[in-house]
Every structure is written in C-alpha cells, then in structure tokens.
C-alpha cells in the first residue's frame, strides 16, 4: 500500500457501499424461506447500503411474479429503510432485458446487472452479445437506469472491455466478480488490471481453484478460506477512481459450495467453442441435511459481512501506519 492508496482507504472506508446479495441466501430463497422483502430487513439490520437481487429470487414470490401493487409495496419499503436496489438477471437477450427494465423501474432500482448465456464459437457468441447491446442502446439508452455486464465464467476480461467500449452505451459498466475470471482461465489480479477502468460494481466472494485439464474451475467457499487474494482485491477496488470512488456497489455474495467448471483453456484455438450453461445454482443437500444447511447458509451470510468488515479494519490500520 502506498501513500495515495492509504489516503483513499481512510477517506472511503467509512462510507463503502456494501450491499446484501440475495445469492448469500440462495437455498433459503429457492425454498421460499426467505423472500425479497426479507432481504431488505436483513440489509437494514446489518447497516448495509442496499440489496442486489435476481428477478427470480424467491420463486413464486420473486419480483418477476409480483403484481404492480406488490412491487410498489416493495419499493416503498426499500425507500422507507433508505436502501438502494440493484436488480440482476442471467441473460442479455432483448426480451429478458425489456422485462427486467420494466420491473427495475417499478421498484426504483438504480442498476440492472446482466450476463450473456450463449452457446457457440466465441466469434458467434460475441456477435450475438453485440446485437443484444445494440438493443439496450436503442431501446433503453435514454433511461436513468444504469446497466452493468458481469464477467461470468466464459468471456475473458479483454473481450468484455471491448464489448463495453464498442457498445455506445454511456451507462454501461463492468461488474467484477472476485472468482468468475478463474473459469475463463484468468487470475483475479490480472483480470482486475484489465477491467479496472470500467468497473462500477463488484461481487465479493471467495473460492478454491481447481485444475481441470488446461483450464480452471472453482468451488466457492466461506470468505477468507479460499484462494482469492481477498484483501488485495478489496484494497485495489476501493482505490479505483481519482477524485471520487469509482465502484458504486459491493455485493456481499457468499456462495459456499457453488461450483463452476472450466470454460476457457490454455490450448484452445482462436475461436473456441463456448458451451451452453444454465443459470447459477448451488445443489440442495439430501432431505435429512436440508434444515441444518439452511441455517448454516444464514450464518455464512452474516459471517461474510463480518469478515469483510474485519478486512476493512485491517486495511485502515495499515493506511494509518503508512500515513503516520
């Protein structure tokens, strides 16, 4: 840490925009034990800035399934608790973008995260994504809603940067996930350097790296127990932006036991095949283990919040030592 970074850490740490991420309660939400409105209560109780949640989180009680009146109630609750809302979807297809934009505006969300899920040779996949981005520019470029595309396991950092730079969408940024570059055969700090100028949102998690042939998979784990350079990533992300913080939202996304395979390989050709993949999901345990696992998930989510705050205190102490 240098003196410039130390000053930024001290100036920014107290107001760091930490968001509760719904995936931290993935299993509980799949079984409708925790619903979108409950996330607002948890975020408020933990003193967080807002929530990041998927349009499908909560199954039959997800935002996608709620009536306009129910969406208005959700928005009112968030406003009453002074919580920002970031909506997320697992697609870049025009129809799903349009649906999500409509929901986002009804709940007062300030940003919409998406990521493409296409199968085919890389050149074909990139062409489809460019078409999707053109749709966003033409149909939604005038809105106050911001858009962010996540680096989600199959595309490399340079490919994502180029897509955003060529999109012509002023409100489009990148979402940096602590672990998802692993599956594209990249390392966290190297990926951060490439993506840095365009990062506005972050998903914080930890993961163990698995060698899979000439590629890499990852299994998410409790924060602080994996292979991610957790403290260094957080430090560099906080320091992005010269006069003001560049990162607008840090999603606390504990994903214990989530697995993602290798998608890109060191011996692949110039136009590799990108396989189809379903939306992210962590398998439920056997029925006799389910109750305990649901309770453990709740504990893991709170433990991650505590871990991130502990790391922040450590960074602050380092900064104070450097400046003193």
C-alpha atoms as a PDB file:
ATOM      1  CA  UNK A   1       0.000   0.000   0.000  1.00  0.00           C
ATOM      2  CA  UNK A   2       1.393   3.387  -0.985  1.00  0.00           C
ATOM      3  CA  UNK A   3       0.511   6.799   0.483  1.00  0.00           C
ATOM      4  CA  UNK A   4      -2.044   7.603  -2.237  1.00  0.00           C
ATOM      5  CA  UNK A   5      -3.832   4.307  -1.608  1.00  0.00           C
ATOM      6  CA  UNK A   6      -3.629   4.857   2.151  1.00  0.00           C
ATOM      7  CA  UNK A   7      -5.370   8.229   1.872  1.00  0.00           C
ATOM      8  CA  UNK A   8      -8.084   6.765  -0.333  1.00  0.00           C
ATOM      9  CA  UNK A   9      -8.670   3.898   2.104  1.00  0.00           C
ATOM     10  CA  UNK A  10      -9.068   6.295   5.030  1.00  0.00           C
ATOM     11  CA  UNK A  11     -11.323   8.661   3.084  1.00  0.00           C
ATOM     12  CA  UNK A  12     -13.588   5.956   1.622  1.00  0.00           C
ATOM     13  CA  UNK A  13     -13.839   3.042   4.054  1.00  0.00           C
ATOM     14  CA  UNK A  14     -16.490   4.512   6.360  1.00  0.00           C
ATOM     15  CA  UNK A  15     -18.970   5.074   3.533  1.00  0.00           C
ATOM     16  CA  UNK A  16     -18.106   2.000   1.455  1.00  0.00           C
ATOM     17  CA  UNK A  17     -21.348   0.975  -0.339  1.00  0.00           C
ATOM     18  CA  UNK A  18     -21.802  -2.618   0.857  1.00  0.00           C
ATOM     19  CA  UNK A  19     -24.878  -4.437  -0.480  1.00  0.00           C
ATOM     20  CA  UNK A  20     -26.511  -7.644   0.698  1.00  0.00           C
ATOM     21  CA  UNK A  21     -26.550 -10.094  -2.218  1.00  0.00           C
ATOM     22  CA  UNK A  22     -29.504 -12.466  -2.461  1.00  0.00           C
ATOM     23  CA  UNK A  23     -27.281 -15.385  -3.510  1.00  0.00           C
ATOM     24  CA  UNK A  24     -25.987 -15.479   0.051  1.00  0.00           C
ATOM     25  CA  UNK A  25     -29.462 -16.866   0.813  1.00  0.00           C
ATOM     26  CA  UNK A  26     -29.773 -18.883  -2.393  1.00  0.00           C
ATOM     27  CA  UNK A  27     -31.127 -22.106  -0.870  1.00  0.00           C
ATOM     28  CA  UNK A  28     -33.449 -20.339   1.550  1.00  0.00           C
ATOM     29  CA  UNK A  29     -34.868 -18.295  -1.328  1.00  0.00           C
ATOM     30  CA  UNK A  30     -35.296 -21.338  -3.584  1.00  0.00           C
ATOM     31  CA  UNK A  31     -37.430 -22.891  -0.858  1.00  0.00           C
ATOM     32  CA  UNK A  32     -39.207 -19.568  -0.192  1.00  0.00           C
ATOM     33  CA  UNK A  33     -37.957 -19.489   3.394  1.00  0.00           C
ATOM     34  CA  UNK A  34     -36.555 -16.016   2.709  1.00  0.00           C
ATOM     35  CA  UNK A  35     -38.294 -13.628   0.291  1.00  0.00           C
ATOM     36  CA  UNK A  36     -37.190 -10.413  -1.408  1.00  0.00           C
ATOM     37  CA  UNK A  37     -38.747  -8.173   1.255  1.00  0.00           C
ATOM     38  CA  UNK A  38     -36.874 -10.148   3.940  1.00  0.00           C
ATOM     39  CA  UNK A  39     -33.583  -9.190   2.294  1.00  0.00           C
ATOM     40  CA  UNK A  40     -34.443  -5.546   2.904  1.00  0.00           C
ATOM     41  CA  UNK A  41     -34.878  -6.253   6.615  1.00  0.00           C
ATOM     42  CA  UNK A  42     -31.558  -8.112   6.823  1.00  0.00           C
ATOM     43  CA  UNK A  43     -29.691  -5.375   4.937  1.00  0.00           C
ATOM     44  CA  UNK A  44     -31.182  -2.734   7.215  1.00  0.00           C
ATOM     45  CA  UNK A  45     -30.320  -4.697  10.355  1.00  0.00           C
ATOM     46  CA  UNK A  46     -26.724  -5.096   9.157  1.00  0.00           C
ATOM     47  CA  UNK A  47     -26.332  -1.408   8.315  1.00  0.00           C
ATOM     48  CA  UNK A  48     -25.778  -2.036   4.603  1.00  0.00           C
ATOM     49  CA  UNK A  49     -26.294   0.383   1.728  1.00  0.00           C
ATOM     50  CA  UNK A  50     -28.703  -1.731  -0.282  1.00  0.00           C
ATOM     51  CA  UNK A  51     -29.534  -5.093  -1.826  1.00  0.00           C
ATOM     52  CA  UNK A  52     -28.624  -6.896  -5.029  1.00  0.00           C
ATOM     53  CA  UNK A  53     -31.203  -9.481  -6.026  1.00  0.00           C
ATOM     54  CA  UNK A  54     -32.179 -11.538  -9.044  1.00  0.00           C
ATOM     55  CA  UNK A  55     -35.551 -11.075 -10.687  1.00  0.00           C
ATOM     56  CA  UNK A  56     -36.225 -14.800  -9.987  1.00  0.00           C
ATOM     57  CA  UNK A  57     -35.076 -14.922  -6.354  1.00  0.00           C
ATOM     58  CA  UNK A  58     -37.922 -16.192  -4.176  1.00  0.00           C
ATOM     59  CA  UNK A  59     -39.512 -18.468  -6.784  1.00  0.00           C
ATOM     60  CA  UNK A  60     -43.308 -17.931  -6.735  1.00  0.00           C
ATOM     61  CA  UNK A  61     -42.791 -14.780  -4.634  1.00  0.00           C
ATOM     62  CA  UNK A  62     -39.968 -13.382  -6.771  1.00  0.00           C
ATOM     63  CA  UNK A  63     -40.102  -9.868  -8.199  1.00  0.00           C
ATOM     64  CA  UNK A  64     -40.910 -11.388 -11.587  1.00  0.00           C
ATOM     65  CA  UNK A  65     -44.100 -12.902 -10.118  1.00  0.00           C
ATOM     66  CA  UNK A  66     -45.292  -9.917  -8.081  1.00  0.00           C
ATOM     67  CA  UNK A  67     -48.159  -7.653  -9.177  1.00  0.00           C
ATOM     68  CA  UNK A  68     -47.586  -3.963  -9.794  1.00  0.00           C
ATOM     69  CA  UNK A  69     -49.181  -3.240  -6.422  1.00  0.00           C
ATOM     70  CA  UNK A  70     -46.824  -5.675  -4.675  1.00  0.00           C
ATOM     71  CA  UNK A  71     -43.825  -4.211  -6.499  1.00  0.00           C
ATOM     72  CA  UNK A  72     -44.879  -0.764  -5.287  1.00  0.00           C
ATOM     73  CA  UNK A  73     -45.026  -2.057  -1.714  1.00  0.00           C
ATOM     74  CA  UNK A  74     -41.504  -3.483  -2.096  1.00  0.00           C
ATOM     75  CA  UNK A  75     -40.267  -0.149  -3.428  1.00  0.00           C
ATOM     76  CA  UNK A  76     -41.914   1.762  -0.580  1.00  0.00           C
ATOM     77  CA  UNK A  77     -40.274  -0.499   1.981  1.00  0.00           C
ATOM     78  CA  UNK A  78     -36.827  -0.023   0.418  1.00  0.00           C
ATOM     79  CA  UNK A  79     -37.314   3.747   0.369  1.00  0.00           C
ATOM     80  CA  UNK A  80     -38.514   3.761   3.972  1.00  0.00           C
ATOM     81  CA  UNK A  81     -35.407   1.802   5.023  1.00  0.00           C
ATOM     82  CA  UNK A  82     -33.241   4.054   2.800  1.00  0.00           C
ATOM     83  CA  UNK A  83     -31.898   1.080   0.842  1.00  0.00           C
ATOM     84  CA  UNK A  84     -30.764   1.154  -2.777  1.00  0.00           C
ATOM     85  CA  UNK A  85     -31.859  -1.706  -5.065  1.00  0.00           C
ATOM     86  CA  UNK A  86     -29.763  -3.330  -7.792  1.00  0.00           C
ATOM     87  CA  UNK A  87     -31.696  -5.810  -9.952  1.00  0.00           C
ATOM     88  CA  UNK A  88     -29.992  -8.761 -11.644  1.00  0.00           C
ATOM     89  CA  UNK A  89     -30.851 -11.173 -14.465  1.00  0.00           C
ATOM     90  CA  UNK A  90     -28.953 -14.081 -16.033  1.00  0.00           C
ATOM     91  CA  UNK A  91     -29.384 -13.182 -19.674  1.00  0.00           C
ATOM     92  CA  UNK A  92     -28.659 -10.443 -22.192  1.00  0.00           C
ATOM     93  CA  UNK A  93     -31.494 -11.438 -24.567  1.00  0.00           C
ATOM     94  CA  UNK A  94     -33.687  -8.463 -25.584  1.00  0.00           C
ATOM     95  CA  UNK A  95     -36.980  -9.888 -24.273  1.00  0.00           C
ATOM     96  CA  UNK A  96     -35.498 -10.581 -20.847  1.00  0.00           C
ATOM     97  CA  UNK A  97     -33.768  -7.207 -20.737  1.00  0.00           C
ATOM     98  CA  UNK A  98     -37.070  -5.475 -21.562  1.00  0.00           C
ATOM     99  CA  UNK A  99     -38.930  -7.382 -18.852  1.00  0.00           C
ATOM    100  CA  UNK A 100     -36.224  -6.619 -16.274  1.00  0.00           C
ATOM    101  CA  UNK A 101     -36.128  -2.926 -17.164  1.00  0.00           C
ATOM    102  CA  UNK A 102     -39.868  -2.698 -16.562  1.00  0.00           C
ATOM    103  CA  UNK A 103     -39.543  -4.363 -13.143  1.00  0.00           C
ATOM    104  CA  UNK A 104     -36.463  -2.295 -12.277  1.00  0.00           C
ATOM    105  CA  UNK A 105     -38.306   0.941 -12.882  1.00  0.00           C
ATOM    106  CA  UNK A 106     -41.313  -0.195 -10.844  1.00  0.00           C
ATOM    107  CA  UNK A 107     -39.153  -0.977  -7.806  1.00  0.00           C
ATOM    108  CA  UNK A 108     -36.904   2.059  -8.193  1.00  0.00           C
ATOM    109  CA  UNK A 109     -33.747   0.060  -8.918  1.00  0.00           C
ATOM    110  CA  UNK A 110     -30.731   2.135  -9.889  1.00  0.00           C
ATOM    111  CA  UNK A 111     -28.923  -0.539 -11.904  1.00  0.00           C
ATOM    112  CA  UNK A 112     -29.528  -3.745 -13.834  1.00  0.00           C
ATOM    113  CA  UNK A 113     -26.877  -6.435 -13.996  1.00  0.00           C
ATOM    114  CA  UNK A 114     -26.950  -8.983 -16.796  1.00  0.00           C
ATOM    115  CA  UNK A 115     -24.646 -11.519 -18.397  1.00  0.00           C
ATOM    116  CA  UNK A 116     -24.916 -13.433 -21.675  1.00  0.00           C
ATOM    117  CA  UNK A 117     -25.508 -17.180 -21.837  1.00  0.00           C
ATOM    118  CA  UNK A 118     -24.956 -18.328 -25.393  1.00  0.00           C
ATOM    119  CA  UNK A 119     -23.524 -21.496 -26.921  1.00  0.00           C
ATOM    120  CA  UNK A 120     -21.342 -21.457 -29.994  1.00  0.00           C
ATOM    121  CA  UNK A 121     -17.948 -20.460 -31.273  1.00  0.00           C
ATOM    122  CA  UNK A 122     -16.595 -17.384 -29.492  1.00  0.00           C
ATOM    123  CA  UNK A 123     -16.945 -15.198 -32.589  1.00  0.00           C
ATOM    124  CA  UNK A 124     -20.645 -16.126 -32.877  1.00  0.00           C
ATOM    125  CA  UNK A 125     -21.260 -15.569 -29.162  1.00  0.00           C
ATOM    126  CA  UNK A 126     -19.628 -12.141 -29.272  1.00  0.00           C
ATOM    127  CA  UNK A 127     -21.693 -11.180 -32.322  1.00  0.00           C
ATOM    128  CA  UNK A 128     -24.926 -12.108 -30.504  1.00  0.00           C
ATOM    129  CA  UNK A 129     -23.872 -10.093 -27.464  1.00  0.00           C
ATOM    130  CA  UNK A 130     -23.148  -7.066 -29.667  1.00  0.00           C
ATOM    131  CA  UNK A 131     -26.678  -7.357 -31.055  1.00  0.00           C
ATOM    132  CA  UNK A 132     -28.063  -7.501 -27.504  1.00  0.00           C
ATOM    133  CA  UNK A 133     -26.081  -4.416 -26.515  1.00  0.00           C
ATOM    134  CA  UNK A 134     -27.338  -2.608 -29.604  1.00  0.00           C
ATOM    135  CA  UNK A 135     -30.883  -3.350 -28.433  1.00  0.00           C
ATOM    136  CA  UNK A 136     -30.121  -1.881 -24.994  1.00  0.00           C
ATOM    137  CA  UNK A 137     -28.622   1.231 -26.588  1.00  0.00           C
ATOM    138  CA  UNK A 138     -31.553   1.753 -28.923  1.00  0.00           C
ATOM    139  CA  UNK A 139     -34.404   0.909 -26.546  1.00  0.00           C
ATOM    140  CA  UNK A 140     -33.075   1.844 -23.120  1.00  0.00           C
ATOM    141  CA  UNK A 141     -30.114   4.150 -23.609  1.00  0.00           C
ATOM    142  CA  UNK A 142     -32.212   7.173 -22.619  1.00  0.00           C
ATOM    143  CA  UNK A 143     -33.173   5.836 -19.192  1.00  0.00           C
ATOM    144  CA  UNK A 144     -31.643   6.834 -15.868  1.00  0.00           C
ATOM    145  CA  UNK A 145     -31.284   3.114 -15.095  1.00  0.00           C
ATOM    146  CA  UNK A 146     -27.629   2.059 -15.306  1.00  0.00           C
ATOM    147  CA  UNK A 147     -26.553  -1.246 -16.864  1.00  0.00           C
ATOM    148  CA  UNK A 148     -23.665  -3.490 -15.856  1.00  0.00           C
ATOM    149  CA  UNK A 149     -22.419  -6.639 -17.551  1.00  0.00           C
ATOM    150  CA  UNK A 150     -20.814  -9.242 -15.310  1.00  0.00           C
ATOM    151  CA  UNK A 151     -17.683 -11.212 -16.102  1.00  0.00           C
ATOM    152  CA  UNK A 152     -19.361 -14.589 -15.699  1.00  0.00           C
ATOM    153  CA  UNK A 153     -17.008 -17.505 -16.263  1.00  0.00           C
ATOM    154  CA  UNK A 154     -16.826 -17.797 -20.056  1.00  0.00           C
ATOM    155  CA  UNK A 155     -15.567 -14.489 -21.501  1.00  0.00           C
ATOM    156  CA  UNK A 156     -12.104 -13.088 -20.899  1.00  0.00           C
ATOM    157  CA  UNK A 157     -11.542  -9.652 -19.417  1.00  0.00           C
ATOM    158  CA  UNK A 158     -10.267  -8.104 -22.644  1.00  0.00           C
ATOM    159  CA  UNK A 159     -13.291  -9.385 -24.559  1.00  0.00           C
ATOM    160  CA  UNK A 160     -15.651  -7.781 -22.039  1.00  0.00           C
ATOM    161  CA  UNK A 161     -13.785  -4.477 -22.066  1.00  0.00           C
ATOM    162  CA  UNK A 162     -14.004  -4.349 -25.850  1.00  0.00           C
ATOM    163  CA  UNK A 163     -17.741  -5.110 -25.802  1.00  0.00           C
ATOM    164  CA  UNK A 164     -18.426  -2.248 -23.387  1.00  0.00           C
ATOM    165  CA  UNK A 165     -16.153   0.197 -25.183  1.00  0.00           C
ATOM    166  CA  UNK A 166     -17.805  -0.538 -28.536  1.00  0.00           C
ATOM    167  CA  UNK A 167     -21.393  -0.567 -27.201  1.00  0.00           C
ATOM    168  CA  UNK A 168     -22.055   3.157 -27.342  1.00  0.00           C
ATOM    169  CA  UNK A 169     -23.998   2.874 -24.055  1.00  0.00           C
ATOM    170  CA  UNK A 170     -22.887   5.639 -21.711  1.00  0.00           C
ATOM    171  CA  UNK A 171     -24.448   3.970 -18.663  1.00  0.00           C
ATOM    172  CA  UNK A 172     -22.882   0.529 -19.271  1.00  0.00           C
ATOM    173  CA  UNK A 173     -20.128  -0.654 -16.920  1.00  0.00           C
ATOM    174  CA  UNK A 174     -18.480  -3.904 -15.855  1.00  0.00           C
ATOM    175  CA  UNK A 175     -19.241  -5.936 -12.742  1.00  0.00           C
ATOM    176  CA  UNK A 176     -16.117  -7.546 -11.312  1.00  0.00           C
ATOM    177  CA  UNK A 177     -16.699 -10.848  -9.507  1.00  0.00           C
ATOM    178  CA  UNK A 178     -13.881 -11.995  -7.203  1.00  0.00           C
ATOM    179  CA  UNK A 179     -13.822 -15.504  -8.711  1.00  0.00           C
ATOM    180  CA  UNK A 180     -15.543 -15.733 -12.087  1.00  0.00           C
ATOM    181  CA  UNK A 181     -12.436 -14.970 -14.153  1.00  0.00           C
ATOM    182  CA  UNK A 182     -10.952 -18.275 -12.961  1.00  0.00           C
ATOM    183  CA  UNK A 183     -13.205 -20.249 -15.309  1.00  0.00           C
ATOM    184  CA  UNK A 184     -12.055 -18.142 -18.257  1.00  0.00           C
ATOM    185  CA  UNK A 185      -8.501 -19.226 -17.354  1.00  0.00           C
ATOM    186  CA  UNK A 186      -7.513 -15.883 -15.856  1.00  0.00           C
ATOM    187  CA  UNK A 187      -6.214 -14.893 -12.424  1.00  0.00           C
ATOM    188  CA  UNK A 188      -8.022 -12.343 -10.215  1.00  0.00           C
ATOM    189  CA  UNK A 189      -5.408  -9.576 -10.008  1.00  0.00           C
ATOM    190  CA  UNK A 190      -4.526  -9.775 -13.703  1.00  0.00           C
ATOM    191  CA  UNK A 191      -8.221  -9.642 -14.642  1.00  0.00           C
ATOM    192  CA  UNK A 192      -8.728  -6.675 -12.342  1.00  0.00           C
ATOM    193  CA  UNK A 193      -5.959  -4.732 -14.058  1.00  0.00           C
ATOM    194  CA  UNK A 194      -7.570  -5.257 -17.471  1.00  0.00           C
ATOM    195  CA  UNK A 195     -11.119  -4.459 -16.351  1.00  0.00           C
ATOM    196  CA  UNK A 196     -10.241  -1.680 -13.903  1.00  0.00           C
ATOM    197  CA  UNK A 197     -11.178   1.388 -15.997  1.00  0.00           C
ATOM    198  CA  UNK A 198     -14.748   0.137 -16.492  1.00  0.00           C
ATOM    199  CA  UNK A 199     -15.603  -1.477 -13.125  1.00  0.00           C
ATOM    200  CA  UNK A 200     -18.552   0.103 -11.296  1.00  0.00           C
ATOM    201  CA  UNK A 201     -19.961  -2.923  -9.431  1.00  0.00           C
ATOM    202  CA  UNK A 202     -18.408  -5.833  -7.547  1.00  0.00           C
ATOM    203  CA  UNK A 203     -19.424  -9.262  -6.235  1.00  0.00           C
ATOM    204  CA  UNK A 204     -17.344 -10.206  -3.203  1.00  0.00           C
ATOM    205  CA  UNK A 205     -16.828 -13.913  -2.583  1.00  0.00           C
ATOM    206  CA  UNK A 206     -14.061 -16.452  -2.040  1.00  0.00           C
ATOM    207  CA  UNK A 207     -13.317 -19.684  -3.879  1.00  0.00           C
ATOM    208  CA  UNK A 208     -10.912 -22.567  -4.199  1.00  0.00           C
ATOM    209  CA  UNK A 209      -9.321 -23.045  -7.616  1.00  0.00           C
ATOM    210  CA  UNK A 210      -9.488 -26.487  -9.257  1.00  0.00           C
ATOM    211  CA  UNK A 211      -7.197 -27.527 -12.114  1.00  0.00           C
ATOM    212  CA  UNK A 212      -9.317 -29.060 -14.906  1.00  0.00           C
ATOM    213  CA  UNK A 213      -7.138 -30.133 -17.814  1.00  0.00           C
ATOM    214  CA  UNK A 214      -5.591 -26.973 -19.251  1.00  0.00           C
ATOM    215  CA  UNK A 215      -8.326 -24.860 -17.647  1.00  0.00           C
ATOM    216  CA  UNK A 216      -9.513 -23.931 -14.189  1.00  0.00           C
ATOM    217  CA  UNK A 217     -12.759 -24.436 -12.285  1.00  0.00           C
ATOM    218  CA  UNK A 218     -13.737 -23.026  -8.920  1.00  0.00           C
ATOM    219  CA  UNK A 219     -15.739 -24.004  -5.868  1.00  0.00           C
ATOM    220  CA  UNK A 220     -16.956 -21.091  -3.770  1.00  0.00           C
ATOM    221  CA  UNK A 221     -16.230 -21.270  -0.054  1.00  0.00           C
ATOM    222  CA  UNK A 222     -16.516 -19.225   3.111  1.00  0.00           C
ATOM    223  CA  UNK A 223     -14.826 -15.866   2.671  1.00  0.00           C
ATOM    224  CA  UNK A 224     -11.290 -15.931   3.979  1.00  0.00           C
ATOM    225  CA  UNK A 225     -10.777 -19.672   3.406  1.00  0.00           C
ATOM    226  CA  UNK A 226     -10.193 -19.767  -0.353  1.00  0.00           C
ATOM    227  CA  UNK A 227      -7.553 -18.950  -2.957  1.00  0.00           C
ATOM    228  CA  UNK A 228      -8.710 -15.457  -3.883  1.00  0.00           C
ATOM    229  CA  UNK A 229      -6.345 -12.578  -2.951  1.00  0.00           C
ATOM    230  CA  UNK A 230      -9.237 -11.183  -0.913  1.00  0.00           C
ATOM    231  CA  UNK A 231      -7.534  -8.303   0.882  1.00  0.00           C
ATOM    232  CA  UNK A 232      -5.556  -7.118  -2.157  1.00  0.00           C
ATOM    233  CA  UNK A 233      -8.628  -7.205  -4.406  1.00  0.00           C
ATOM    234  CA  UNK A 234     -10.644  -5.182  -1.931  1.00  0.00           C
ATOM    235  CA  UNK A 235      -7.831  -2.667  -1.493  1.00  0.00           C
ATOM    236  CA  UNK A 236      -7.369  -2.109  -5.224  1.00  0.00           C
ATOM    237  CA  UNK A 237     -11.109  -1.838  -5.866  1.00  0.00           C
ATOM    238  CA  UNK A 238     -11.591   0.748  -3.108  1.00  0.00           C
ATOM    239  CA  UNK A 239      -8.772   2.782  -4.637  1.00  0.00           C
ATOM    240  CA  UNK A 240     -10.259   2.882  -8.158  1.00  0.00           C
ATOM    241  CA  UNK A 241     -11.175   6.436  -9.145  1.00  0.00           C
ATOM    242  CA  UNK A 242      -9.046   9.513  -8.589  1.00  0.00           C
ATOM    243  CA  UNK A 243     -11.256  12.262  -7.137  1.00  0.00           C
ATOM    244  CA  UNK A 244     -14.125  10.021  -6.055  1.00  0.00           C
ATOM    245  CA  UNK A 245     -14.726   6.268  -5.661  1.00  0.00           C
ATOM    246  CA  UNK A 246     -15.261   4.520  -8.987  1.00  0.00           C
ATOM    247  CA  UNK A 247     -17.002   1.438  -7.546  1.00  0.00           C
ATOM    248  CA  UNK A 248     -20.642   2.202  -6.737  1.00  0.00           C
ATOM    249  CA  UNK A 249     -21.681  -1.080  -5.090  1.00  0.00           C
ATOM    250  CA  UNK A 250     -20.006  -4.068  -3.455  1.00  0.00           C
ATOM    251  CA  UNK A 251     -22.318  -7.081  -3.371  1.00  0.00           C
ATOM    252  CA  UNK A 252     -21.674  -9.436  -0.440  1.00  0.00           C
ATOM    253  CA  UNK A 253     -22.246 -12.689  -2.299  1.00  0.00           C
ATOM    254  CA  UNK A 254     -21.351 -15.669  -0.122  1.00  0.00           C
ATOM    255  CA  UNK A 255     -21.729 -18.779  -2.299  1.00  0.00           C
ATOM    256  CA  UNK A 256     -20.487 -21.693  -0.194  1.00  0.00           C
ATOM    257  CA  UNK A 257     -20.404 -24.927  -2.286  1.00  0.00           C
ATOM    258  CA  UNK A 258     -21.259 -23.260  -5.606  1.00  0.00           C
ATOM    259  CA  UNK A 259     -19.256 -24.952  -8.391  1.00  0.00           C
ATOM    260  CA  UNK A 260     -18.380 -23.666 -11.855  1.00  0.00           C
ATOM    261  CA  UNK A 261     -16.315 -25.673 -14.390  1.00  0.00           C
ATOM    262  CA  UNK A 262     -13.550 -24.501 -16.695  1.00  0.00           C
ATOM    263  CA  UNK A 263     -14.810 -22.760 -19.839  1.00  0.00           C
ATOM    264  CA  UNK A 264     -11.582 -21.484 -21.424  1.00  0.00           C
ATOM    265  CA  UNK A 265      -8.313 -23.377 -21.827  1.00  0.00           C
ATOM    266  CA  UNK A 266      -4.670 -22.552 -22.400  1.00  0.00           C
ATOM    267  CA  UNK A 267      -4.533 -24.770 -25.503  1.00  0.00           C
ATOM    268  CA  UNK A 268      -7.761 -23.537 -27.126  1.00  0.00           C
ATOM    269  CA  UNK A 269      -7.753 -22.150 -30.648  1.00  0.00           C
ATOM    270  CA  UNK A 270      -8.536 -18.606 -31.778  1.00  0.00           C
ATOM    271  CA  UNK A 271     -12.279 -19.271 -31.945  1.00  0.00           C
ATOM    272  CA  UNK A 272     -13.058 -21.734 -29.143  1.00  0.00           C
ATOM    273  CA  UNK A 273     -16.431 -23.352 -28.558  1.00  0.00           C
ATOM    274  CA  UNK A 274     -18.386 -21.840 -25.657  1.00  0.00           C
ATOM    275  CA  UNK A 275     -20.759 -24.486 -24.211  1.00  0.00           C
ATOM    276  CA  UNK A 276     -24.283 -23.765 -23.044  1.00  0.00           C
ATOM    277  CA  UNK A 277     -24.768 -23.333 -19.319  1.00  0.00           C
ATOM    278  CA  UNK A 278     -27.788 -22.987 -17.082  1.00  0.00           C
ATOM    279  CA  UNK A 279     -28.279 -20.184 -14.580  1.00  0.00           C
ATOM    280  CA  UNK A 280     -26.064 -20.367 -11.496  1.00  0.00           C
ATOM    281  CA  UNK A 281     -27.349 -22.768  -8.865  1.00  0.00           C
ATOM    282  CA  UNK A 282     -25.961 -24.496  -5.776  1.00  0.00           C
ATOM    283  CA  UNK A 283     -27.274 -28.064  -5.288  1.00  0.00           C
ATOM    284  CA  UNK A 284     -29.550 -28.663  -2.338  1.00  0.00           C
ATOM    285  CA  UNK A 285     -28.334 -31.301   0.142  1.00  0.00           C
ATOM    286  CA  UNK A 286     -30.115 -34.548   0.978  1.00  0.00           C
ATOM    287  CA  UNK A 287     -33.513 -34.022   2.687  1.00  0.00           C
ATOM    288  CA  UNK A 288     -32.231 -35.095   6.100  1.00  0.00           C
ATOM    289  CA  UNK A 289     -29.464 -32.456   5.906  1.00  0.00           C
ATOM    290  CA  UNK A 290     -31.560 -29.640   4.488  1.00  0.00           C
ATOM    291  CA  UNK A 291     -32.733 -27.948   7.675  1.00  0.00           C
ATOM    292  CA  UNK A 292     -29.219 -27.685   9.069  1.00  0.00           C
ATOM    293  CA  UNK A 293     -27.876 -26.476   5.714  1.00  0.00           C
ATOM    294  CA  UNK A 294     -30.458 -23.681   5.516  1.00  0.00           C
ATOM    295  CA  UNK A 295     -29.446 -22.462   8.974  1.00  0.00           C
ATOM    296  CA  UNK A 296     -25.772 -22.710   8.055  1.00  0.00           C
ATOM    297  CA  UNK A 297     -26.397 -20.595   4.965  1.00  0.00           C
ATOM    298  CA  UNK A 298     -27.845 -17.830   7.131  1.00  0.00           C
ATOM    299  CA  UNK A 299     -24.818 -17.951   9.421  1.00  0.00           C
ATOM    300  CA  UNK A 300     -22.430 -17.937   6.460  1.00  0.00           C
ATOM    301  CA  UNK A 301     -24.064 -14.794   5.071  1.00  0.00           C
ATOM    302  CA  UNK A 302     -23.619 -12.878   8.313  1.00  0.00           C
ATOM    303  CA  UNK A 303     -20.095 -14.224   8.807  1.00  0.00           C
ATOM    304  CA  UNK A 304     -19.125 -12.859   5.394  1.00  0.00           C
ATOM    305  CA  UNK A 305     -20.327  -9.384   6.326  1.00  0.00           C
ATOM    306  CA  UNK A 306     -18.233  -9.597   9.496  1.00  0.00           C
ATOM    307  CA  UNK A 307     -15.213 -10.897   7.561  1.00  0.00           C
ATOM    308  CA  UNK A 308     -15.338  -8.051   5.032  1.00  0.00           C
ATOM    309  CA  UNK A 309     -15.580  -5.502   7.829  1.00  0.00           C
ATOM    310  CA  UNK A 310     -12.619  -7.134   9.579  1.00  0.00           C
ATOM    311  CA  UNK A 311     -10.561  -6.906   6.376  1.00  0.00           C
ATOM    312  CA  UNK A 312     -11.562  -3.252   6.058  1.00  0.00           C
ATOM    313  CA  UNK A 313     -10.357  -2.572   9.613  1.00  0.00           C
ATOM    314  CA  UNK A 314      -7.054  -4.215   8.725  1.00  0.00           C
ATOM    315  CA  UNK A 315      -6.689  -2.012   5.645  1.00  0.00           C
ATOM    316  CA  UNK A 316      -7.475   1.059   7.724  1.00  0.00           C
ATOM    317  CA  UNK A 317      -4.818   0.104  10.283  1.00  0.00           C
ATOM    318  CA  UNK A 318      -2.257  -0.361   7.501  1.00  0.00           C
ATOM    319  CA  UNK A 319      -3.206   3.002   5.992  1.00  0.00           C
ATOM    320  CA  UNK A 320      -2.892   4.779   9.336  1.00  0.00           C
ATOM    321  CA  UNK A 321       0.532   3.236   9.891  1.00  0.00           C
ATOM    322  CA  UNK A 322       1.746   4.376   6.466  1.00  0.00           C
ATOM    323  CA  UNK A 323       0.497   7.939   6.866  1.00  0.00           C
ATOM    324  CA  UNK A 324       1.746   8.283  10.427  1.00  0.00           C
END
